[in-house]
PDB file of N, CA and C in Angstrom:
ATOM      1  N   MET A   1       6.193  -7.682  -8.559  1.00  0.00           N
ATOM      2  CA  MET A   1       6.717  -8.253  -7.332  1.00  0.00           C
ATOM      3  C   MET A   1       5.573  -8.982  -6.628  1.00  0.00           C
ATOM      4  N   ARG A   2       5.880 -10.138  -6.095  1.00  0.00           N
ATOM      5  CA  ARG A   2       4.902 -10.934  -5.351  1.00  0.00           C
ATOM      6  C   ARG A   2       5.368 -11.104  -3.907  1.00  0.00           C
ATOM      7  N   LYS A   3       4.405 -11.044  -2.987  1.00  0.00           N
ATOM      8  CA  LYS A   3       4.692 -11.339  -1.584  1.00  0.00           C
ATOM      9  C   LYS A   3       4.179 -12.747  -1.317  1.00  0.00           C
ATOM     10  N   VAL A   4       5.051 -13.579  -0.776  1.00  0.00           N
ATOM     11  CA  VAL A   4       4.681 -14.952  -0.420  1.00  0.00           C
ATOM     12  C   VAL A   4       4.693 -15.060   1.095  1.00  0.00           C
ATOM     13  N   LYS A   5       3.573 -15.470   1.656  1.00  0.00           N
ATOM     14  CA  LYS A   5       3.450 -15.687   3.098  1.00  0.00           C
ATOM     15  C   LYS A   5       3.448 -17.191   3.340  1.00  0.00           C
ATOM     16  N   ILE A   6       4.429 -17.653   4.127  1.00  0.00           N
ATOM     17  CA  ILE A   6       4.578 -19.085   4.390  1.00  0.00           C
ATOM     18  C   ILE A   6       4.291 -19.342   5.864  1.00  0.00           C
ATOM     19  N   TYR A   7       3.412 -20.293   6.120  1.00  0.00           N
ATOM     20  CA  TYR A   7       3.040 -20.693   7.483  1.00  0.00           C
ATOM     21  C   TYR A   7       3.536 -22.118   7.706  1.00  0.00           C
ATOM     22  N   VAL A   8       4.361 -22.294   8.728  1.00  0.00           N
ATOM     23  CA  VAL A   8       4.960 -23.601   9.023  1.00  0.00           C
ATOM     24  C   VAL A   8       4.485 -24.048  10.403  1.00  0.00           C
ATOM     25  N   THR A   9       3.988 -25.270  10.496  1.00  0.00           N
ATOM     26  CA  THR A   9       3.551 -25.829  11.776  1.00  0.00           C
ATOM     27  C   THR A   9       4.075 -27.257  11.911  1.00  0.00           C
ATOM     28  N   LEU A  10       4.191 -27.690  13.156  1.00  0.00           N
ATOM     29  CA  LEU A  10       4.546 -29.082  13.389  1.00  0.00           C
ATOM     30  C   LEU A  10       3.390 -29.972  12.948  1.00  0.00           C
ATOM     31  N   ARG A  11       3.701 -31.129  12.452  1.00  0.00           N
ATOM     32  CA  ARG A  11       2.652 -32.085  12.078  1.00  0.00           C
ATOM     33  C   ARG A  11       1.860 -32.477  13.314  1.00  0.00           C
ATOM     34  N   GLU A  12       0.617 -32.825  13.115  1.00  0.00           N
ATOM     35  CA  GLU A  12      -0.264 -33.190  14.227  1.00  0.00           C
ATOM     36  C   GLU A  12       0.326 -34.333  15.059  1.00  0.00           C
ATOM     37  N   SER A  13       1.034 -35.251  14.414  1.00  0.00           N
ATOM     38  CA  SER A  13       1.585 -36.414  15.118  1.00  0.00           C
ATOM     39  C   SER A  13       2.839 -36.089  15.928  1.00  0.00           C
ATOM     40  N   VAL A  14       3.365 -34.877  15.810  1.00  0.00           N
ATOM     41  CA  VAL A  14       4.599 -34.494  16.490  1.00  0.00           C
ATOM     42  C   VAL A  14       4.262 -33.727  17.770  1.00  0.00           C
ATOM     43  N   LEU A  15       4.857 -34.146  18.874  1.00  0.00           N
ATOM     44  CA  LEU A  15       4.671 -33.472  20.151  1.00  0.00           C
ATOM     45  C   LEU A  15       5.199 -32.042  20.066  1.00  0.00           C
ATOM     46  N   ASP A  16       4.430 -31.099  20.617  1.00  0.00           N
ATOM     47  CA  ASP A  16       4.822 -29.689  20.612  1.00  0.00           C
ATOM     48  C   ASP A  16       5.012 -29.225  22.050  1.00  0.00           C
ATOM     49  N   PRO A  17       6.205 -29.440  22.635  1.00  0.00           N
ATOM     50  CA  PRO A  17       6.414 -29.076  24.035  1.00  0.00           C
ATOM     51  C   PRO A  17       6.275 -27.573  24.284  1.00  0.00           C
ATOM     52  N   GLN A  18       6.655 -26.756  23.341  1.00  0.00           N
ATOM     53  CA  GLN A  18       6.506 -25.308  23.506  1.00  0.00           C
ATOM     54  C   GLN A  18       5.020 -24.938  23.553  1.00  0.00           C
ATOM     55  N   GLY A  19       4.227 -25.536  22.681  1.00  0.00           N
ATOM     56  CA  GLY A  19       2.786 -25.303  22.697  1.00  0.00           C
ATOM     57  C   GLY A  19       2.158 -25.775  24.000  1.00  0.00           C
ATOM     58  N   SER A  20       2.610 -26.917  24.504  1.00  0.00           N
ATOM     59  CA  SER A  20       2.093 -27.438  25.775  1.00  0.00           C
ATOM     60  C   SER A  20       2.424 -26.493  26.932  1.00  0.00           C
ATOM     61  N   ALA A  21       3.632 -25.942  26.914  1.00  0.00           N
ATOM     62  CA  ALA A  21       4.028 -24.999  27.972  1.00  0.00           C
ATOM     63  C   ALA A  21       3.176 -23.735  27.924  1.00  0.00           C
ATOM     64  N   VAL A  22       2.918 -23.230  26.726  1.00  0.00           N
ATOM     65  CA  VAL A  22       2.085 -22.038  26.582  1.00  0.00           C
ATOM     66  C   VAL A  22       0.660 -22.334  27.043  1.00  0.00           C
ATOM     67  N   MET A  23       0.139 -23.498  26.676  1.00  0.00           N
ATOM     68  CA  MET A  23      -1.207 -23.863  27.097  1.00  0.00           C
ATOM     69  C   MET A  23      -1.286 -23.959  28.623  1.00  0.00           C
ATOM     70  N   GLY A  24      -0.277 -24.556  29.257  1.00  0.00           N
ATOM     71  CA  GLY A  24      -0.248 -24.640  30.716  1.00  0.00           C
ATOM     72  C   GLY A  24      -0.254 -23.265  31.360  1.00  0.00           C
ATOM     73  N   SER A  25       0.523 -22.354  30.797  1.00  0.00           N
ATOM     74  CA  SER A  25       0.562 -20.986  31.324  1.00  0.00           C
ATOM     75  C   SER A  25      -0.779 -20.287  31.141  1.00  0.00           C
ATOM     76  N   LEU A  26      -1.392 -20.473  30.001  1.00  0.00           N
ATOM     77  CA  LEU A  26      -2.708 -19.867  29.771  1.00  0.00           C
ATOM     78  C   LEU A  26      -3.736 -20.396  30.764  1.00  0.00           C
ATOM     79  N   HIS A  27      -3.688 -21.702  31.030  1.00  0.00           N
ATOM     80  CA  HIS A  27      -4.615 -22.285  32.013  1.00  0.00           C
ATOM     81  C   HIS A  27      -4.388 -21.676  33.399  1.00  0.00           C
ATOM     82  N   LYS A  28      -3.116 -21.525  33.786  1.00  0.00           N
ATOM     83  CA  LYS A  28      -2.800 -20.932  35.093  1.00  0.00           C
ATOM     84  C   LYS A  28      -3.275 -19.490  35.192  1.00  0.00           C
ATOM     85  N   MET A  29      -3.357 -18.820  34.047  1.00  0.00           N
ATOM     86  CA  MET A  29      -3.808 -17.432  34.015  1.00  0.00           C
ATOM     87  C   MET A  29      -5.331 -17.320  33.954  1.00  0.00           C
ATOM     88  N   GLY A  30      -6.006 -18.472  33.952  1.00  0.00           N
ATOM     89  CA  GLY A  30      -7.461 -18.453  33.962  1.00  0.00           C
ATOM     90  C   GLY A  30      -8.122 -18.653  32.607  1.00  0.00           C
ATOM     91  N   TYR A  31      -7.355 -19.009  31.600  1.00  0.00           N
ATOM     92  CA  TYR A  31      -7.908 -19.239  30.267  1.00  0.00           C
ATOM     93  C   TYR A  31      -8.099 -20.736  30.011  1.00  0.00           C
ATOM     94  N   GLY A  32      -8.937 -21.340  30.818  1.00  0.00           N
ATOM     95  CA  GLY A  32      -9.178 -22.773  30.714  1.00  0.00           C
ATOM     96  C   GLY A  32      -9.894 -23.194  29.449  1.00  0.00           C
ATOM     97  N   GLU A  33     -10.451 -22.227  28.735  1.00  0.00           N
ATOM     98  CA  GLU A  33     -11.151 -22.539  27.481  1.00  0.00           C
ATOM     99  C   GLU A  33     -10.198 -23.021  26.392  1.00  0.00           C
ATOM    100  N   VAL A  34      -8.920 -22.683  26.531  1.00  0.00           N
ATOM    101  CA  VAL A  34      -7.938 -23.075  25.519  1.00  0.00           C
ATOM    102  C   VAL A  34      -7.702 -24.572  25.625  1.00  0.00           C
ATOM    103  N   LYS A  35      -7.953 -25.280  24.539  1.00  0.00           N
ATOM    104  CA  LYS A  35      -7.856 -26.738  24.542  1.00  0.00           C
ATOM    105  C   LYS A  35      -6.575 -27.263  23.890  1.00  0.00           C
ATOM    106  N   ASP A  36      -5.918 -26.441  23.068  1.00  0.00           N
ATOM    107  CA  ASP A  36      -4.672 -26.877  22.439  1.00  0.00           C
ATOM    108  C   ASP A  36      -3.929 -25.649  21.929  1.00  0.00           C
ATOM    109  N   VAL A  37      -2.613 -25.713  21.959  1.00  0.00           N
ATOM    110  CA  VAL A  37      -1.764 -24.661  21.400  1.00  0.00           C
ATOM    111  C   VAL A  37      -0.690 -25.345  20.572  1.00  0.00           C
ATOM    112  N   ARG A  38      -0.529 -24.886  19.344  1.00  0.00           N
ATOM    113  CA  ARG A  38       0.540 -25.354  18.470  1.00  0.00           C
ATOM    114  C   ARG A  38       1.353 -24.136  18.072  1.00  0.00           C
ATOM    115  N   ILE A  39       2.653 -24.196  18.256  1.00  0.00           N
ATOM    116  CA  ILE A  39       3.541 -23.096  17.917  1.00  0.00           C
ATOM    117  C   ILE A  39       4.131 -23.354  16.531  1.00  0.00           C
ATOM    118  N   GLY A  40       4.197 -22.330  15.723  1.00  0.00           N
ATOM    119  CA  GLY A  40       4.750 -22.459  14.376  1.00  0.00           C
ATOM    120  C   GLY A  40       5.641 -21.288  14.044  1.00  0.00           C
ATOM    121  N   LYS A  41       5.902 -21.122  12.764  1.00  0.00           N
ATOM    122  CA  LYS A  41       6.684 -19.974  12.316  1.00  0.00           C
ATOM    123  C   LYS A  41       6.059 -19.394  11.050  1.00  0.00           C
ATOM    124  N   TYR A  42       6.356 -18.133  10.828  1.00  0.00           N
ATOM    125  CA  TYR A  42       5.802 -17.389   9.703  1.00  0.00           C
ATOM    126  C   TYR A  42       6.942 -16.730   8.956  1.00  0.00           C
ATOM    127  N   LEU A  43       6.950 -16.856   7.646  1.00  0.00           N
ATOM    128  CA  LEU A  43       7.987 -16.241   6.819  1.00  0.00           C
ATOM    129  C   LEU A  43       7.324 -15.435   5.717  1.00  0.00           C
ATOM    130  N   GLU A  44       7.949 -14.331   5.335  1.00  0.00           N
ATOM    131  CA  GLU A  44       7.507 -13.542   4.186  1.00  0.00           C
ATOM    132  C   GLU A  44       8.659 -13.438   3.204  1.00  0.00           C
ATOM    133  N   LEU A  45       8.370 -13.730   1.950  1.00  0.00           N
ATOM    134  CA  LEU A  45       9.360 -13.608   0.881  1.00  0.00           C
ATOM    135  C   LEU A  45       8.826 -12.637  -0.160  1.00  0.00           C
ATOM    136  N   MET A  46       9.697 -11.821  -0.706  1.00  0.00           N
ATOM    137  CA  MET A  46       9.364 -10.974  -1.844  1.00  0.00           C
ATOM    138  C   MET A  46      10.057 -11.598  -3.055  1.00  0.00           C
ATOM    139  N   ILE A  47       9.278 -11.928  -4.076  1.00  0.00           N
ATOM    140  CA  ILE A  47       9.816 -12.625  -5.243  1.00  0.00           C
ATOM    141  C   ILE A  47       9.453 -11.826  -6.493  1.00  0.00           C
ATOM    142  N   SER A  48      10.411 -11.642  -7.367  1.00  0.00           N
ATOM    143  CA  SER A  48      10.173 -10.854  -8.577  1.00  0.00           C
ATOM    144  C   SER A  48       9.195 -11.574  -9.493  1.00  0.00           C
ATOM    145  N   ASP A  49       8.473 -10.786 -10.264  1.00  0.00           N
ATOM    146  CA  ASP A  49       7.507 -11.343 -11.219  1.00  0.00           C
ATOM    147  C   ASP A  49       8.203 -12.125 -12.323  1.00  0.00           C
ATOM    148  N   GLU A  50       9.479 -11.861 -12.529  1.00  0.00           N
ATOM    149  CA  GLU A  50      10.222 -12.553 -13.590  1.00  0.00           C
ATOM    150  C   GLU A  50      10.623 -13.969 -13.173  1.00  0.00           C
ATOM    151  N   ALA A  51      10.407 -14.303 -11.918  1.00  0.00           N
ATOM    152  CA  ALA A  51      10.802 -15.629 -11.417  1.00  0.00           C
ATOM    153  C   ALA A  51      10.032 -16.713 -12.158  1.00  0.00           C
ATOM    154  N   ARG A  52      10.644 -17.883 -12.237  1.00  0.00           N
ATOM    155  CA  ARG A  52       9.942 -19.024 -12.837  1.00  0.00           C
ATOM    156  C   ARG A  52       8.676 -19.295 -12.043  1.00  0.00           C
ATOM    157  N   ASP A  53       7.970 -20.323 -12.331  1.00  0.00           N
ATOM    158  CA  ASP A  53       6.707 -20.654 -11.670  1.00  0.00           C
ATOM    159  C   ASP A  53       6.839 -20.484 -10.154  1.00  0.00           C
ATOM    160  N   ILE A  54       6.136 -19.504  -9.605  1.00  0.00           N
ATOM    161  CA  ILE A  54       6.314 -19.146  -8.191  1.00  0.00           C
ATOM    162  C   ILE A  54       5.874 -20.286  -7.273  1.00  0.00           C
ATOM    163  N   ASP A  55       4.783 -20.978  -7.596  1.00  0.00           N
ATOM    164  CA  ASP A  55       4.351 -22.111  -6.773  1.00  0.00           C
ATOM    165  C   ASP A  55       5.449 -23.159  -6.671  1.00  0.00           C
ATOM    166  N   ALA A  56       6.015 -23.521  -7.804  1.00  0.00           N
ATOM    167  CA  ALA A  56       7.080 -24.534  -7.817  1.00  0.00           C
ATOM    168  C   ALA A  56       8.309 -24.029  -7.078  1.00  0.00           C
ATOM    169  N   LEU A  57       8.639 -22.749  -7.263  1.00  0.00           N
ATOM    170  CA  LEU A  57       9.804 -22.158  -6.608  1.00  0.00           C
ATOM    171  C   LEU A  57       9.662 -22.192  -5.087  1.00  0.00           C
ATOM    172  N   VAL A  58       8.491 -21.792  -4.581  1.00  0.00           N
ATOM    173  CA  VAL A  58       8.265 -21.777  -3.135  1.00  0.00           C
ATOM    174  C   VAL A  58       8.278 -23.197  -2.580  1.00  0.00           C
ATOM    175  N   ASN A  59       7.636 -24.130  -3.252  1.00  0.00           N
ATOM    176  CA  ASN A  59       7.671 -25.524  -2.797  1.00  0.00           C
ATOM    177  C   ASN A  59       9.101 -26.043  -2.740  1.00  0.00           C
ATOM    178  N   GLU A  60       9.887 -25.727  -3.746  1.00  0.00           N
ATOM    179  CA  GLU A  60      11.281 -26.173  -3.769  1.00  0.00           C
ATOM    180  C   GLU A  60      12.066 -25.590  -2.594  1.00  0.00           C
ATOM    181  N   MET A  61      11.903 -24.281  -2.335  1.00  0.00           N
ATOM    182  CA  MET A  61      12.616 -23.643  -1.224  1.00  0.00           C
ATOM    183  C   MET A  61      12.186 -24.226   0.117  1.00  0.00           C
ATOM    184  N   CYS A  62      10.889 -24.497   0.266  1.00  0.00           N
ATOM    185  CA  CYS A  62      10.402 -25.076   1.524  1.00  0.00           C
ATOM    186  C   CYS A  62      10.975 -26.468   1.745  1.00  0.00           C
ATOM    187  N   HIS A  63      11.040 -27.262   0.696  1.00  0.00           N
ATOM    188  CA  HIS A  63      11.563 -28.623   0.837  1.00  0.00           C
ATOM    189  C   HIS A  63      13.068 -28.652   1.057  1.00  0.00           C
ATOM    190  N   LYS A  64      13.785 -27.715   0.459  1.00  0.00           N
ATOM    191  CA  LYS A  64      15.245 -27.737   0.559  1.00  0.00           C
ATOM    192  C   LYS A  64      15.795 -27.010   1.778  1.00  0.00           C
ATOM    193  N   LEU A  65      15.081 -25.961   2.283  1.00  0.00           N
ATOM    194  CA  LEU A  65      15.686 -25.147   3.330  1.00  0.00           C
ATOM    195  C   LEU A  65      14.718 -24.662   4.405  1.00  0.00           C
ATOM    196  N   LEU A  66      13.564 -24.174   4.026  1.00  0.00           N
ATOM    197  CA  LEU A  66      12.716 -23.427   4.960  1.00  0.00           C
ATOM    198  C   LEU A  66      11.937 -24.287   5.941  1.00  0.00           C
ATOM    199  N   THR A  67      11.734 -25.556   5.639  1.00  0.00           N
ATOM    200  CA  THR A  67      10.996 -26.438   6.544  1.00  0.00           C
ATOM    201  C   THR A  67      11.715 -27.776   6.693  1.00  0.00           C
ATOM    202  N   ASN A  68      11.379 -28.461   7.766  1.00  0.00           N
ATOM    203  CA  ASN A  68      11.813 -29.842   7.947  1.00  0.00           C
ATOM    204  C   ASN A  68      10.597 -30.699   7.624  1.00  0.00           C
ATOM    205  N   THR A  69      10.525 -31.183   6.398  1.00  0.00           N
ATOM    206  CA  THR A  69       9.316 -31.868   5.934  1.00  0.00           C
ATOM    207  C   THR A  69       9.059 -33.203   6.637  1.00  0.00           C
ATOM    208  N   VAL A  70      10.000 -33.659   7.428  1.00  0.00           N
ATOM    209  CA  VAL A  70       9.772 -34.885   8.204  1.00  0.00           C
ATOM    210  C   VAL A  70       8.810 -34.608   9.356  1.00  0.00           C
ATOM    211  N   ILE A  71       8.935 -33.436   9.986  1.00  0.00           N
ATOM    212  CA  ILE A  71       8.103 -33.133  11.163  1.00  0.00           C
ATOM    213  C   ILE A  71       7.213 -31.906  10.991  1.00  0.00           C
ATOM    214  N   GLU A  72       7.377 -31.168   9.886  1.00  0.00           N
ATOM    215  CA  GLU A  72       6.610 -29.935   9.716  1.00  0.00           C
ATOM    216  C   GLU A  72       5.756 -29.968   8.455  1.00  0.00           C
ATOM    217  N   ASP A  73       4.624 -29.292   8.528  1.00  0.00           N
ATOM    218  CA  ASP A  73       3.775 -29.032   7.377  1.00  0.00           C
ATOM    219  C   ASP A  73       3.868 -27.551   7.066  1.00  0.00           C
ATOM    220  N   TYR A  74       3.575 -27.196   5.854  1.00  0.00           N
ATOM    221  CA  TYR A  74       3.560 -25.780   5.491  1.00  0.00           C
ATOM    222  C   TYR A  74       2.456 -25.513   4.479  1.00  0.00           C
ATOM    223  N   ARG A  75       2.065 -24.257   4.438  1.00  0.00           N
ATOM    224  CA  ARG A  75       1.163 -23.775   3.408  1.00  0.00           C
ATOM    225  C   ARG A  75       1.601 -22.362   3.089  1.00  0.00           C
ATOM    226  N   PHE A  76       1.226 -21.871   1.934  1.00  0.00           N
ATOM    227  CA  PHE A  76       1.631 -20.521   1.580  1.00  0.00           C
ATOM    228  C   PHE A  76       0.558 -19.827   0.755  1.00  0.00           C
ATOM    229  N   GLU A  77       0.638 -18.501   0.790  1.00  0.00           N
ATOM    230  CA  GLU A  77      -0.252 -17.637   0.025  1.00  0.00           C
ATOM    231  C   GLU A  77       0.626 -16.714  -0.805  1.00  0.00           C
ATOM    232  N   ILE A  78       0.190 -16.469  -2.034  1.00  0.00           N
ATOM    233  CA  ILE A  78       0.912 -15.549  -2.916  1.00  0.00           C
ATOM    234  C   ILE A  78      -0.017 -14.375  -3.193  1.00  0.00           C
ATOM    235  N   GLU A  79       0.520 -13.174  -3.024  1.00  0.00           N
ATOM    236  CA  GLU A  79      -0.289 -11.990  -3.309  1.00  0.00           C
ATOM    237  C   GLU A  79       0.568 -10.946  -4.020  1.00  0.00           C
ATOM    238  N   GLU A  80      -0.096 -10.047  -4.684  1.00  0.00           N
ATOM    239  CA  GLU A  80       0.590  -8.942  -5.355  1.00  0.00           C
ATOM    240  C   GLU A  80       1.159  -8.017  -4.278  1.00  0.00           C
ATOM    241  N   ALA A  81       2.439  -7.674  -4.409  1.00  0.00           N
ATOM    242  CA  ALA A  81       3.059  -6.768  -3.436  1.00  0.00           C
ATOM    243  C   ALA A  81       2.647  -5.340  -3.768  1.00  0.00           C
ATOM    244  N   VAL A  82       2.315  -4.602  -2.740  1.00  0.00           N
ATOM    245  CA  VAL A  82       1.927  -3.211  -2.916  1.00  0.00           C
ATOM    246  C   VAL A  82       3.179  -2.357  -2.874  1.00  0.00           C
ATOM    247  N   SER A  83       3.399  -1.582  -3.911  1.00  0.00           N
ATOM    248  CA  SER A  83       4.591  -0.713  -3.931  1.00  0.00           C
ATOM    249  C   SER A  83       4.339   0.499  -3.038  1.00  0.00           C
ATOM    250  N   GLN A  84       5.401   0.944  -2.386  1.00  0.00           N
ATOM    251  CA  GLN A  84       5.271   2.068  -1.457  1.00  0.00           C
ATOM    252  C   GLN A  84       5.956   3.294  -1.971  1.00  0.00           C
TER     253      GLN A  84
END
């Protein structure tokens, strides 16, 4: 079993109003050192070892469903799942 961690963020060229709101709040709270905030999403998938090429499979799922590739970038990590 493999655990896939997917990190999705808006592209640098895309305005992030949620990130801007969080940054404004942080500044009001006295955290003026914060220069930028980008909000994203995190997904975890458990994929069987019998699956076809996991890299290709994850890329396919990200392009078809998990991300909006017009405005979002993604990266992922694959690791061995620890059985409990």
